[in-house]
């Protein structure tokens, strides 16, 4: 479920910032998941909320204008804050 959080977080960031989608890992996570719809929904909601905390890209600053979305989402997917949703 931590992987699903990561996939969802990246996807929601891309959607929120009108970045063309290049990946469909969330569908993969849903298709092969064995947890309930409610659990997946809760994890997706948390991922969307976290993605919203990341600033939008600033393409005018080529060195520092793009947030580390993959790194931030991956770190959050491993955080203790997510433990209640992912079972440990």
C-alpha atoms as a PDB file:
ATOM      1  CA  UNK A   1       0.000   0.000   0.000  1.00  0.00           C
ATOM      2  CA  UNK A   2       2.973   2.315   0.427  1.00  0.00           C
ATOM      3  CA  UNK A   3       3.664   1.852  -3.275  1.00  0.00           C
ATOM      4  CA  UNK A   4       0.066   2.778  -4.075  1.00  0.00           C
ATOM      5  CA  UNK A   5       0.462   5.940  -1.993  1.00  0.00           C
ATOM      6  CA  UNK A   6       3.601   6.796  -3.970  1.00  0.00           C
ATOM      7  CA  UNK A   7       1.916   6.179  -7.345  1.00  0.00           C
ATOM      8  CA  UNK A   8      -1.134   8.200  -6.305  1.00  0.00           C
ATOM      9  CA  UNK A   9       0.913  11.078  -4.933  1.00  0.00           C
ATOM     10  CA  UNK A  10       2.883  11.504  -8.153  1.00  0.00           C
ATOM     11  CA  UNK A  11      -0.265  11.194 -10.268  1.00  0.00           C
ATOM     12  CA  UNK A  12      -2.184  13.760  -8.232  1.00  0.00           C
ATOM     13  CA  UNK A  13       0.716  16.219  -8.392  1.00  0.00           C
ATOM     14  CA  UNK A  14       0.795  15.874 -12.154  1.00  0.00           C
ATOM     15  CA  UNK A  15      -2.962  16.355 -12.444  1.00  0.00           C
ATOM     16  CA  UNK A  16      -2.986  19.370 -10.109  1.00  0.00           C
ATOM     17  CA  UNK A  17      -0.246  21.068 -12.103  1.00  0.00           C
ATOM     18  CA  UNK A  18      -1.435  20.171 -15.611  1.00  0.00           C
ATOM     19  CA  UNK A  19       1.646  18.063 -16.310  1.00  0.00           C
ATOM     20  CA  UNK A  20       1.076  15.529 -19.099  1.00  0.00           C
ATOM     21  CA  UNK A  21       0.579  12.055 -17.708  1.00  0.00           C
ATOM     22  CA  UNK A  22       3.344   9.629 -18.566  1.00  0.00           C
ATOM     23  CA  UNK A  23       2.491   6.805 -16.193  1.00  0.00           C
ATOM     24  CA  UNK A  24      -0.470   4.704 -15.106  1.00  0.00           C
ATOM     25  CA  UNK A  25       0.915   2.951 -12.039  1.00  0.00           C
ATOM     26  CA  UNK A  26      -2.156   3.794  -9.952  1.00  0.00           C
ATOM     27  CA  UNK A  27      -4.273   1.562 -12.181  1.00  0.00           C
ATOM     28  CA  UNK A  28      -1.679  -1.171 -11.742  1.00  0.00           C
ATOM     29  CA  UNK A  29      -1.847  -0.688  -7.968  1.00  0.00           C
ATOM     30  CA  UNK A  30      -5.625  -0.960  -7.954  1.00  0.00           C
ATOM     31  CA  UNK A  31      -5.767  -3.933 -10.305  1.00  0.00           C
ATOM     32  CA  UNK A  32      -3.366  -6.056  -8.286  1.00  0.00           C
ATOM     33  CA  UNK A  33      -4.394  -4.913  -4.829  1.00  0.00           C
ATOM     34  CA  UNK A  34      -5.966  -7.250  -2.327  1.00  0.00           C
ATOM     35  CA  UNK A  35      -7.232  -4.535   0.026  1.00  0.00           C
ATOM     36  CA  UNK A  36     -10.701  -3.047   0.173  1.00  0.00           C
ATOM     37  CA  UNK A  37     -11.952  -0.160  -1.910  1.00  0.00           C
ATOM     38  CA  UNK A  38     -12.283   1.859   1.289  1.00  0.00           C
ATOM     39  CA  UNK A  39      -8.613   1.313   2.167  1.00  0.00           C
ATOM     40  CA  UNK A  40      -7.485   2.265  -1.330  1.00  0.00           C
ATOM     41  CA  UNK A  41      -9.681   5.366  -1.208  1.00  0.00           C
ATOM     42  CA  UNK A  42      -8.203   6.446   2.130  1.00  0.00           C
ATOM     43  CA  UNK A  43      -4.665   5.986   0.868  1.00  0.00           C
ATOM     44  CA  UNK A  44      -5.430   7.838  -2.358  1.00  0.00           C
ATOM     45  CA  UNK A  45      -6.995  10.693  -0.373  1.00  0.00           C
ATOM     46  CA  UNK A  46      -3.883  10.977   1.811  1.00  0.00           C
ATOM     47  CA  UNK A  47      -1.674  10.958  -1.288  1.00  0.00           C
ATOM     48  CA  UNK A  48      -3.737  13.671  -2.941  1.00  0.00           C
ATOM     49  CA  UNK A  49      -3.583  15.807   0.196  1.00  0.00           C
ATOM     50  CA  UNK A  50       0.185  15.381   0.437  1.00  0.00           C
ATOM     51  CA  UNK A  51       0.703  16.134  -3.256  1.00  0.00           C
ATOM     52  CA  UNK A  52      -1.206  19.374  -2.743  1.00  0.00           C
ATOM     53  CA  UNK A  53       1.440  20.483  -0.229  1.00  0.00           C
ATOM     54  CA  UNK A  54       4.161  20.391  -2.874  1.00  0.00           C
ATOM     55  CA  UNK A  55       4.646  23.663  -4.680  1.00  0.00           C
ATOM     56  CA  UNK A  56       3.872  23.934  -8.361  1.00  0.00           C
ATOM     57  CA  UNK A  57       6.755  23.884 -10.816  1.00  0.00           C
ATOM     58  CA  UNK A  58       8.323  27.189 -11.785  1.00  0.00           C
ATOM     59  CA  UNK A  59       9.596  26.600 -15.294  1.00  0.00           C
ATOM     60  CA  UNK A  60      11.251  30.029 -15.358  1.00  0.00           C
ATOM     61  CA  UNK A  61      13.850  28.740 -12.873  1.00  0.00           C
ATOM     62  CA  UNK A  62      15.594  25.823 -14.624  1.00  0.00           C
ATOM     63  CA  UNK A  63      17.800  24.975 -11.621  1.00  0.00           C
ATOM     64  CA  UNK A  64      15.449  25.205  -8.656  1.00  0.00           C
ATOM     65  CA  UNK A  65      11.989  25.588 -10.125  1.00  0.00           C
ATOM     66  CA  UNK A  66      10.963  21.974 -10.145  1.00  0.00           C
ATOM     67  CA  UNK A  67      10.079  20.353  -6.827  1.00  0.00           C
ATOM     68  CA  UNK A  68      11.464  16.920  -6.042  1.00  0.00           C
ATOM     69  CA  UNK A  69       8.070  15.271  -6.440  1.00  0.00           C
ATOM     70  CA  UNK A  70       9.292  11.683  -6.741  1.00  0.00           C
ATOM     71  CA  UNK A  71      11.618  12.018  -3.746  1.00  0.00           C
ATOM     72  CA  UNK A  72       9.003  13.774  -1.585  1.00  0.00           C
ATOM     73  CA  UNK A  73       6.242  11.274  -2.425  1.00  0.00           C
ATOM     74  CA  UNK A  74       8.565   8.327  -1.851  1.00  0.00           C
ATOM     75  CA  UNK A  75       9.729   9.714   1.494  1.00  0.00           C
ATOM     76  CA  UNK A  76       6.151  10.339   2.597  1.00  0.00           C
ATOM     77  CA  UNK A  77       5.148   6.819   1.504  1.00  0.00           C
ATOM     78  CA  UNK A  78       7.751   5.497   3.952  1.00  0.00           C
ATOM     79  CA  UNK A  79       6.849   7.840   6.801  1.00  0.00           C
ATOM     80  CA  UNK A  80       5.403   6.806  10.134  1.00  0.00           C
ATOM     81  CA  UNK A  81       2.487   9.199   9.531  1.00  0.00           C
ATOM     82  CA  UNK A  82       1.187   6.797   6.894  1.00  0.00           C
ATOM     83  CA  UNK A  83       1.430   3.699   9.109  1.00  0.00           C
ATOM     84  CA  UNK A  84      -2.206   3.787  10.298  1.00  0.00           C
ATOM     85  CA  UNK A  85      -3.399   3.646   6.681  1.00  0.00           C
ATOM     86  CA  UNK A  86      -1.032   0.995   5.395  1.00  0.00           C
ATOM     87  CA  UNK A  87      -0.970  -1.313   8.371  1.00  0.00           C
ATOM     88  CA  UNK A  88       2.394  -0.628   9.909  1.00  0.00           C
END
